[in-house]
Protein backbone atom coordinates (compact mmCIF):
# COMPACT_ATOMS: atom_id res chain seq x y z
CA MET A 1 9.33 -0.57 35.17
CA PRO A 2 11.31 -1.33 32.01
CA HIS A 3 10.28 -3.31 29.49
CA TYR A 4 12.50 -6.61 28.50
CA ASN A 5 12.35 -8.84 25.37
CA THR A 6 12.97 -12.84 25.91
CA ILE A 7 16.32 -14.37 27.07
CA LEU A 8 16.53 -16.01 24.10
CA ASN A 9 16.35 -13.00 22.24
CA GLN A 10 18.38 -11.11 24.58
CA MET A 11 20.97 -13.73 23.65
CA ILE A 12 20.95 -13.86 19.69
CA ARG A 13 20.88 -9.97 20.18
CA MET A 14 25.07 -10.27 21.59
CA ILE A 15 25.59 -10.73 17.68
CA PRO A 16 24.06 -7.24 15.86
CA ARG A 17 22.21 -8.88 12.88
CA HIS A 18 23.53 -7.09 10.56
CA GLU A 19 26.39 -8.91 11.17
CA ILE A 20 24.97 -11.79 10.70
CA GLU A 21 23.82 -10.32 7.40
CA LYS A 22 27.28 -9.92 5.94
CA LEU A 23 28.47 -13.16 6.08
CA GLU A 24 25.46 -14.03 5.09
CA LYS A 25 26.58 -12.25 1.70
CA LYS A 26 29.28 -13.62 1.53
CA HIS A 27 28.42 -17.65 2.53
CA LYS A 28 25.88 -18.12 -0.72
CA GLY A 29 24.83 -21.51 -0.78
CA GLY A 30 21.47 -23.82 -1.36
CA ARG A 31 18.51 -22.11 -3.09
CA LYS A 32 17.34 -18.49 -2.24
CA SER A 33 14.59 -18.67 1.21
CA ARG A 34 12.86 -16.08 2.30
CA VAL A 35 11.02 -17.86 4.80
CA MET A 36 14.82 -19.80 6.54
CA THR A 37 17.30 -16.59 6.78
CA ARG A 38 20.38 -16.99 8.36
CA THR A 39 19.04 -15.41 11.61
CA SER A 40 16.10 -17.76 11.24
CA GLN A 41 18.39 -21.15 11.17
CA PHE A 42 20.79 -19.36 13.81
CA VAL A 43 17.60 -18.93 16.64
CA ALA A 44 16.04 -22.03 15.70
CA MET A 45 19.34 -24.26 16.19
CA SER A 46 20.36 -21.85 19.05
CA PHE A 47 16.76 -22.46 20.86
CA ALA A 48 17.56 -26.14 20.32
CA GLN A 49 20.86 -26.15 21.89
CA LEU A 50 19.37 -24.55 24.67
CA SER A 51 16.60 -26.15 25.44
CA GLY A 52 18.00 -29.44 24.67
CA ARG A 53 15.79 -30.37 22.05
CA ARG A 54 15.64 -34.14 20.51
CA SER A 55 14.27 -33.74 16.77
CA LEU A 56 13.60 -31.13 14.17
CA ARG A 57 9.84 -31.89 14.90
CA ASP A 58 10.31 -30.79 18.14
CA THR A 59 12.42 -27.92 17.43
CA VAL A 60 9.68 -26.98 15.23
CA SER A 61 7.31 -27.42 17.46
CA GLY A 62 8.52 -25.71 20.49
CA LEU A 63 9.08 -22.38 18.28
CA MET A 64 5.98 -22.94 17.01
CA SER A 65 4.23 -22.51 20.93
CA LYS A 66 6.08 -19.26 20.93
CA THR A 67 4.88 -17.17 18.29
CA ARG A 68 3.80 -14.25 19.67
CA ASN A 69 7.83 -13.80 20.21
CA LEU A 70 8.95 -15.00 17.05
CA TYR A 71 9.02 -12.20 15.29
CA HIS A 72 11.61 -10.21 17.24
CA LEU A 73 13.61 -12.75 17.56
CA GLY A 74 14.29 -12.65 13.89
CA ILE A 75 11.81 -14.80 12.43
CA LYS A 76 8.71 -13.48 10.40
CA LYS A 77 6.92 -16.52 9.34
CA LYS A 78 6.34 -20.12 9.89
CA VAL A 79 9.00 -22.49 10.59
CA SER A 80 9.25 -25.92 8.90
CA ARG A 81 10.61 -28.73 9.04
CA SER A 82 11.15 -29.28 5.75
CA THR A 83 12.69 -25.54 5.55
CA LEU A 84 14.49 -26.34 8.50
CA ALA A 85 16.27 -29.85 7.32
CA TYR A 86 17.56 -28.32 3.94
CA ALA A 87 19.11 -25.45 5.79
CA ASN A 88 21.01 -27.58 7.66
CA GLU A 89 21.87 -29.53 4.60
CA LYS A 90 22.24 -26.87 1.80
CA LYS A 91 23.19 -23.79 3.82
CA PRO A 92 27.26 -24.31 4.33
CA SER A 93 28.45 -24.23 8.16
CA SER A 94 31.23 -21.82 6.75
CA PHE A 95 29.41 -19.80 7.70
CA TYR A 96 28.98 -20.50 10.98
CA GLU A 97 33.18 -21.35 11.54
CA GLU A 98 33.85 -17.55 10.62
CA LEU A 99 31.77 -16.37 12.32
CA PHE A 100 33.11 -18.41 15.33
CA SER A 101 36.20 -17.01 14.58
CA LYS A 102 34.48 -13.23 14.60
CA VAL A 103 32.62 -14.18 18.32
CA TYR A 104 35.66 -15.49 19.47
CA GLY A 105 38.08 -12.62 18.91
CA LYS A 106 35.97 -10.53 20.56
CA CYS A 107 35.38 -12.97 23.74
CA SER A 108 38.79 -12.51 24.13
CA SER A 109 39.46 -9.00 23.87
CA ILE A 110 38.14 -9.24 27.74
CA ALA A 111 39.63 -12.77 28.84
CA PRO A 112 40.81 -12.83 32.11
CA LYS A 113 44.36 -13.35 31.89
CA HIS A 114 46.00 -17.01 32.06
CA LYS A 115 46.62 -17.94 35.97
CA PHE A 116 50.13 -18.32 35.96
CA ARG A 117 52.78 -15.38 36.09
CA PHE A 118 54.80 -15.26 33.15
CA LYS A 119 52.90 -12.82 29.68
CA ASN A 120 53.07 -15.90 27.13
CA PRO A 121 49.90 -16.48 25.69
CA LEU A 122 49.26 -19.90 26.52
CA TYR A 123 47.69 -22.39 24.59
CA SER A 124 46.95 -25.92 24.92
CA MET A 125 46.35 -28.33 22.12
CA ASP A 126 44.02 -31.75 21.71
CA VAL A 127 41.21 -33.51 20.02
CA THR A 128 38.01 -35.36 21.06
CA PHE A 129 35.99 -37.76 19.35
CA ILE A 130 32.49 -38.50 18.61
CA ASP A 131 30.90 -41.28 17.87
CA LEU A 132 28.62 -41.43 15.18
CA CYS A 133 27.10 -44.56 13.19
CA LEU A 134 28.44 -45.25 10.30
CA SER A 135 24.98 -46.48 8.43
CA VAL A 136 23.31 -43.55 9.07
CA PHE A 137 26.52 -40.81 8.64
CA GLU A 138 28.15 -42.70 5.41
CA TRP A 139 30.92 -40.06 5.12
CA ALA A 140 31.83 -40.10 8.66
CA LYS A 141 34.46 -42.87 7.53
CA PHE A 142 36.61 -43.75 10.57
CA ARG A 143 36.96 -47.51 10.88
CA LYS A 144 35.35 -50.45 8.77
CA ARG A 145 32.89 -50.63 10.90
CA LYS A 146 32.95 -47.58 12.78
CA GLY A 147 32.19 -43.78 12.47
CA ALA A 148 33.91 -40.64 13.92
CA ILE A 149 34.66 -37.45 13.54
CA LYS A 150 37.69 -34.98 15.10
CA ILE A 151 36.72 -31.64 17.24
CA HIS A 152 40.73 -30.88 17.01
CA THR A 153 40.68 -27.87 19.07
CA VAL A 154 43.56 -25.38 20.08
CA PHE A 155 42.25 -23.58 23.90
CA ASP A 156 42.98 -20.41 25.03
CA HIS A 157 44.01 -20.41 29.03
CA ARG A 158 43.09 -16.95 28.65
CA GLY A 159 39.15 -17.41 29.66
CA TYR A 160 39.55 -20.86 28.66
CA LEU A 161 38.53 -20.29 25.39
CA PRO A 162 38.26 -22.32 22.49
CA ALA A 163 40.63 -20.65 19.91
CA PHE A 164 40.77 -22.15 16.99
CA VAL A 165 38.55 -25.99 15.46
CA SER A 166 38.82 -27.88 13.12
CA ILE A 167 36.57 -30.64 12.60
CA THR A 168 37.23 -33.47 9.99
CA ASP A 169 36.21 -37.31 10.29
CA GLY A 170 38.32 -39.67 12.36
CA LYS A 171 40.98 -40.78 9.76
CA LYS A 172 42.30 -36.99 10.53
CA HIS A 173 45.69 -37.67 11.69
CA ASP A 174 46.58 -34.84 15.06
CA ILE A 175 49.32 -34.01 13.52
CA LYS A 176 47.76 -33.32 10.06
CA VAL A 177 45.85 -30.37 11.57
CA ALA A 178 48.33 -28.91 14.05
CA ARG A 179 51.34 -28.19 11.02
CA SER A 180 48.75 -25.73 10.07
CA LEU A 181 48.43 -23.95 12.28
CA SER A 182 49.83 -20.32 13.39
CA LEU A 183 50.23 -19.05 16.64
CA PRO A 184 51.25 -15.90 17.89
CA ARG A 185 55.34 -15.44 18.16
CA GLY A 186 56.42 -16.05 21.96
CA SER A 187 53.32 -18.70 22.53
CA ILE A 188 53.43 -21.69 24.86
CA VAL A 189 52.05 -24.77 23.16
CA VAL A 190 50.97 -27.72 25.40
CA MET A 191 50.71 -31.01 23.98
CA ASP A 192 50.65 -34.95 24.48
CA ARG A 193 52.89 -37.84 23.01
CA ALA A 194 50.53 -38.09 20.09
CA TYR A 195 52.01 -34.46 18.94
CA THR A 196 55.50 -36.21 18.55
CA ASP A 197 57.30 -34.89 15.56
CA TYR A 198 60.42 -33.69 16.28
CA ARG A 199 60.32 -31.70 12.79
CA TRP A 200 57.10 -29.61 13.66
CA PHE A 201 58.82 -29.21 17.31
CA HIS A 202 62.02 -28.02 15.16
CA GLU A 203 59.60 -24.98 13.10
CA LEU A 204 57.72 -23.71 15.87
CA HIS A 205 61.86 -23.55 17.83
CA GLU A 206 62.26 -21.27 14.49
CA ASN A 207 59.43 -19.58 14.53
CA GLY A 208 59.63 -18.21 18.16
CA ILE A 209 56.78 -20.19 19.68
CA TYR A 210 57.35 -22.48 23.04
CA PHE A 211 56.15 -26.62 23.52
CA VAL A 212 55.64 -28.07 26.18
CA THR A 213 54.96 -31.94 25.92
CA ARG A 214 55.64 -35.45 27.56
CA GLN A 215 58.75 -37.65 25.78
CA LYS A 216 58.03 -40.92 24.35
CA ARG A 217 59.62 -43.20 25.98
CA ASN A 218 62.31 -44.50 23.16
CA ALA A 219 63.41 -41.02 22.25
CA VAL A 220 66.71 -41.20 21.95
CA TYR A 221 69.13 -38.20 23.03
CA ARG A 222 72.13 -36.93 24.64
CA VAL A 223 72.60 -35.22 27.74
CA ILE A 224 74.59 -32.19 27.80
CA ARG A 225 74.06 -30.66 31.13
CA ARG A 226 72.55 -31.09 34.25
CA GLY A 227 70.39 -28.16 36.46
CA GLU A 228 70.36 -28.18 40.13
CA VAL A 229 66.57 -29.05 41.14
CA LYS A 230 64.52 -28.05 44.63
CA LYS A 231 64.13 -30.23 47.05
CA GLY A 232 60.08 -30.53 48.06
CA SER A 233 59.68 -29.53 44.29
CA GLY A 234 59.32 -33.03 42.74
CA VAL A 235 61.12 -32.28 40.11
CA THR A 236 63.71 -34.94 39.85
CA SER A 237 65.68 -33.68 37.02
CA ASP A 238 66.32 -31.14 34.81
CA GLN A 239 68.27 -31.67 31.62
CA ARG A 240 69.55 -29.84 28.68
CA ILE A 241 69.57 -32.31 25.50
CA ILE A 242 70.37 -33.11 22.31
CA LEU A 243 68.23 -35.98 20.13
CA THR A 244 70.25 -38.15 18.60
CA GLY A 245 69.13 -41.62 16.54
CA HIS A 246 67.49 -41.21 12.48
CA LYS A 247 65.06 -38.71 14.84
CA GLY A 248 66.69 -36.89 16.90
CA LYS A 249 68.24 -35.45 13.41
CA GLU A 250 64.71 -33.66 12.07
CA CYS A 251 65.30 -31.00 15.52
CA PRO A 252 68.96 -29.99 16.06
CA VAL A 253 68.71 -27.66 18.45
CA GLU A 254 69.26 -28.07 22.25
CA LEU A 255 65.89 -29.09 24.11
CA ARG A 256 65.05 -28.98 27.44
CA ARG A 257 63.70 -32.51 29.62
CA ILE A 258 61.96 -32.16 33.06
CA GLY A 259 61.54 -35.21 34.67
CA TYR A 260 58.90 -34.64 37.69
CA ARG A 261 56.45 -36.89 40.20
CA ASP A 262 53.49 -36.57 41.34
CA SER A 263 52.92 -36.26 44.70
CA GLU A 264 49.56 -37.20 44.81
CA THR A 265 49.72 -40.27 42.62
CA GLY A 266 52.95 -41.00 42.87
CA LYS A 267 53.26 -41.24 38.93
CA HIS A 268 56.52 -40.33 37.34
CA TYR A 269 56.69 -38.33 34.29
CA VAL A 270 59.09 -36.90 32.16
CA PHE A 271 58.25 -32.97 29.99
CA LEU A 272 60.30 -32.09 26.88
CA THR A 273 60.10 -28.52 26.66
CA ASN A 274 62.40 -25.78 24.31
CA CYS A 275 61.52 -22.90 26.72
CA PHE A 276 64.66 -22.39 29.14
CA HIS A 277 63.64 -19.31 30.56
CA LEU A 278 60.50 -20.78 33.34
CA SER A 279 61.66 -22.62 36.22
CA ALA A 280 61.01 -26.38 35.93
CA LYS A 281 58.20 -26.28 38.42
CA THR A 282 56.30 -23.74 36.15
CA ILE A 283 57.16 -26.21 33.18
CA CYS A 284 55.01 -29.56 35.10
CA ASP A 285 52.57 -26.56 36.14
CA ILE A 286 51.54 -24.91 32.89
CA TYR A 287 51.49 -29.43 31.69
CA ARG A 288 48.87 -30.25 34.34
CA GLU A 289 47.13 -27.01 33.27
CA ARG A 290 47.12 -28.62 30.38
CA TRP A 291 43.75 -30.42 32.42
CA GLN A 292 41.73 -27.60 31.08
CA ILE A 293 40.85 -28.80 27.84
CA GLU A 294 39.79 -31.77 29.00
CA LEU A 295 37.06 -30.40 31.30
CA PHE A 296 36.34 -28.14 28.26
CA PHE A 297 35.27 -31.18 26.42
CA LYS A 298 34.11 -32.56 28.59
CA TRP A 299 31.31 -30.16 29.55
CA ILE A 300 30.53 -30.08 26.28
CA LYS A 301 28.93 -32.95 25.67
CA GLN A 302 27.40 -32.25 29.15
CA HIS A 303 25.77 -29.04 27.96
CA LEU A 304 25.55 -28.64 24.74
CA LYS A 305 23.90 -31.24 22.01
CA ILE A 306 27.21 -31.90 20.81
CA LYS A 307 26.65 -36.47 20.48
CA THR A 308 23.43 -36.25 18.95
CA PHE A 309 22.36 -34.84 15.25
CA LEU A 310 19.38 -33.14 14.08
CA GLY A 311 20.54 -33.76 10.34
CA THR A 312 22.97 -36.46 9.29
CA SER A 313 24.50 -35.04 6.00
CA ARG A 314 28.37 -33.45 7.20
CA ASN A 315 27.15 -30.13 6.55
CA ALA A 316 23.86 -30.15 8.65
CA VAL A 317 26.37 -31.63 12.13
CA MET A 318 29.15 -29.31 11.05
CA THR A 319 26.44 -26.38 11.44
CA GLN A 320 25.45 -28.09 14.48
CA ILE A 321 28.58 -28.21 16.50
CA TRP A 322 29.30 -24.73 15.06
CA ILE A 323 26.41 -23.21 16.44
CA ALA A 324 27.11 -24.80 19.41
CA LEU A 325 31.00 -23.23 20.78
CA ILE A 326 29.43 -19.99 19.39
CA LEU A 327 27.27 -20.45 22.35
CA TYR A 328 29.29 -21.30 24.79
CA LEU A 329 31.90 -18.18 23.54
CA LEU A 330 28.35 -16.23 24.34
CA LEU A 331 27.84 -17.78 27.13
CA ALA A 332 31.70 -16.63 28.85
CA TRP A 333 31.33 -13.14 27.12
CA PHE A 334 28.34 -12.49 28.84
CA LYS A 335 30.41 -13.92 32.00
CA PHE A 336 33.14 -11.89 31.72
CA GLN A 337 31.06 -9.03 30.66
CA SER A 338 28.92 -8.97 34.07
CA LYS A 339 31.57 -10.69 36.51
CA ILE A 340 28.73 -12.65 37.67
CA GLU A 341 30.16 -15.66 40.08
CA LEU A 342 27.98 -18.70 38.52
CA SER A 343 29.54 -20.80 36.56
CA LEU A 344 28.88 -21.90 33.09
CA THR A 345 27.15 -24.12 34.12
CA GLN A 346 24.85 -22.71 36.52
CA MET A 347 23.79 -20.13 33.51
CA ILE A 348 23.18 -22.09 30.81
CA ARG A 349 20.83 -24.30 33.10
CA LEU A 350 18.82 -21.25 33.98
CA ILE A 351 18.62 -20.15 30.53
CA GLY A 352 16.98 -22.34 29.68
CA LEU A 353 14.58 -22.60 31.91
CA ASN A 354 13.38 -19.46 31.41
CA LEU A 355 14.68 -18.84 27.35
CA PHE A 356 11.08 -17.06 26.76
CA ASP A 357 11.20 -15.04 30.56
CA LYS A 358 10.84 -11.50 29.82
CA ARG A 359 13.62 -9.87 31.87
CA GLY A 360 17.32 -8.95 31.79
CA LEU A 361 20.05 -11.88 31.68
CA PHE A 362 21.78 -10.07 34.23
CA GLU A 363 18.29 -9.79 36.71
CA LEU A 364 18.27 -13.72 35.64
CA PHE A 365 21.39 -14.18 37.10
CA LYS A 366 21.25 -11.96 40.26
CA PRO A 367 20.40 -13.13 43.59
CA PRO A 368 16.96 -13.06 44.55
CA ASP A 369 17.80 -11.47 48.22
CA ASP A 370 19.87 -8.86 46.40
CA ALA A 371 17.57 -6.03 46.41
CA ASN A 372 20.20 -3.51 46.88
CA ASN A 373 22.29 -4.29 43.89
CA ARG A 374 21.33 -3.15 40.96
CA ILE A 375 23.05 -3.64 37.30
CA ASP A 376 22.33 -1.90 34.43
CA ASN A 377 20.43 -3.89 31.94
CA ARG A 378 22.08 -2.69 28.95
CA GLN A 379 21.18 -4.32 25.29
CA LEU A 380 24.32 -6.35 25.08
CA SER A 381 26.34 -6.40 21.42
CA PHE A 382 30.04 -7.38 21.09
CA LEU A 383 30.95 -7.57 17.76
CA GLU A 384 30.13 -3.82 17.32
CA ALA A 385 33.62 -2.01 16.32
């Protein structure tokens, strides 16, 4: 009978320890600690995420109840609440931000294609708020008596993965973060009206990037040509336009204006894009697909610990969010690699209930009555060259 480490150990070991140690040397911060290494911190905070711990004391107590399993997880000495709190407060969260980028790079390489026939990479761009108590999180200024942070996200529709994340205070405007992005040439980015900036639209166009957004009601434009629309498709108009007025001068190129009426709700939408090689109905479907980023935000808020925090400093909050997003990518990567049919919700529930069980991850997700379906429970490691 094969021997397995715990489920938690197999999750953590998807990222080789030498990769963590390499990044640890690069992102030094706080006093040197032999007890709370980056590996120990990552294990402790991952345990808190996957098991739904409510406090640092709860996290440490849970870990110490499994002392026999900690050595193989990379925790060689007893973890105290004060040590974990210090690590979350002082060890730079930029370490986990870079680790997130590395994990996404490997995860996206095996992610399934998006649902459309065209080959252009498809991204959605949006932001979600996390409300915070301003008297406790004094650095998270949003309004006079309210605190909040924003999680700005570029969502890759290949595998439905967060490709880029920026965490800022609530006052940071969405478009300022959007302007700092560098998307691959030929990609299509979908966004709502909050990102309307004609100068930025022109920059995207000049860089060979297609955008799809909803047109603002006060937009001033001139119709150059009207295209034919297919009956029964929901498309009500397909026009080539030039933006006019004072703001229109910031984007002096032809754009496409598409009207669409949703047959289910009866609502009428007007889309603006610089994409002419796809059909009008496809453009409408692309914007509908933007809903997936909203589902992503809903999922991480329901199943990961990013609404209540185990520390109050900015660094502690950032650290907790980055580790949560890394775990999301690890779950997605395992799903792509194993080709299991379970949803991420089912997977995280099973993992949370069996963190210290000693059996293979494949076996954990295998149907109990499928005795003949033997899958290779090999050691998983995907950051190796």
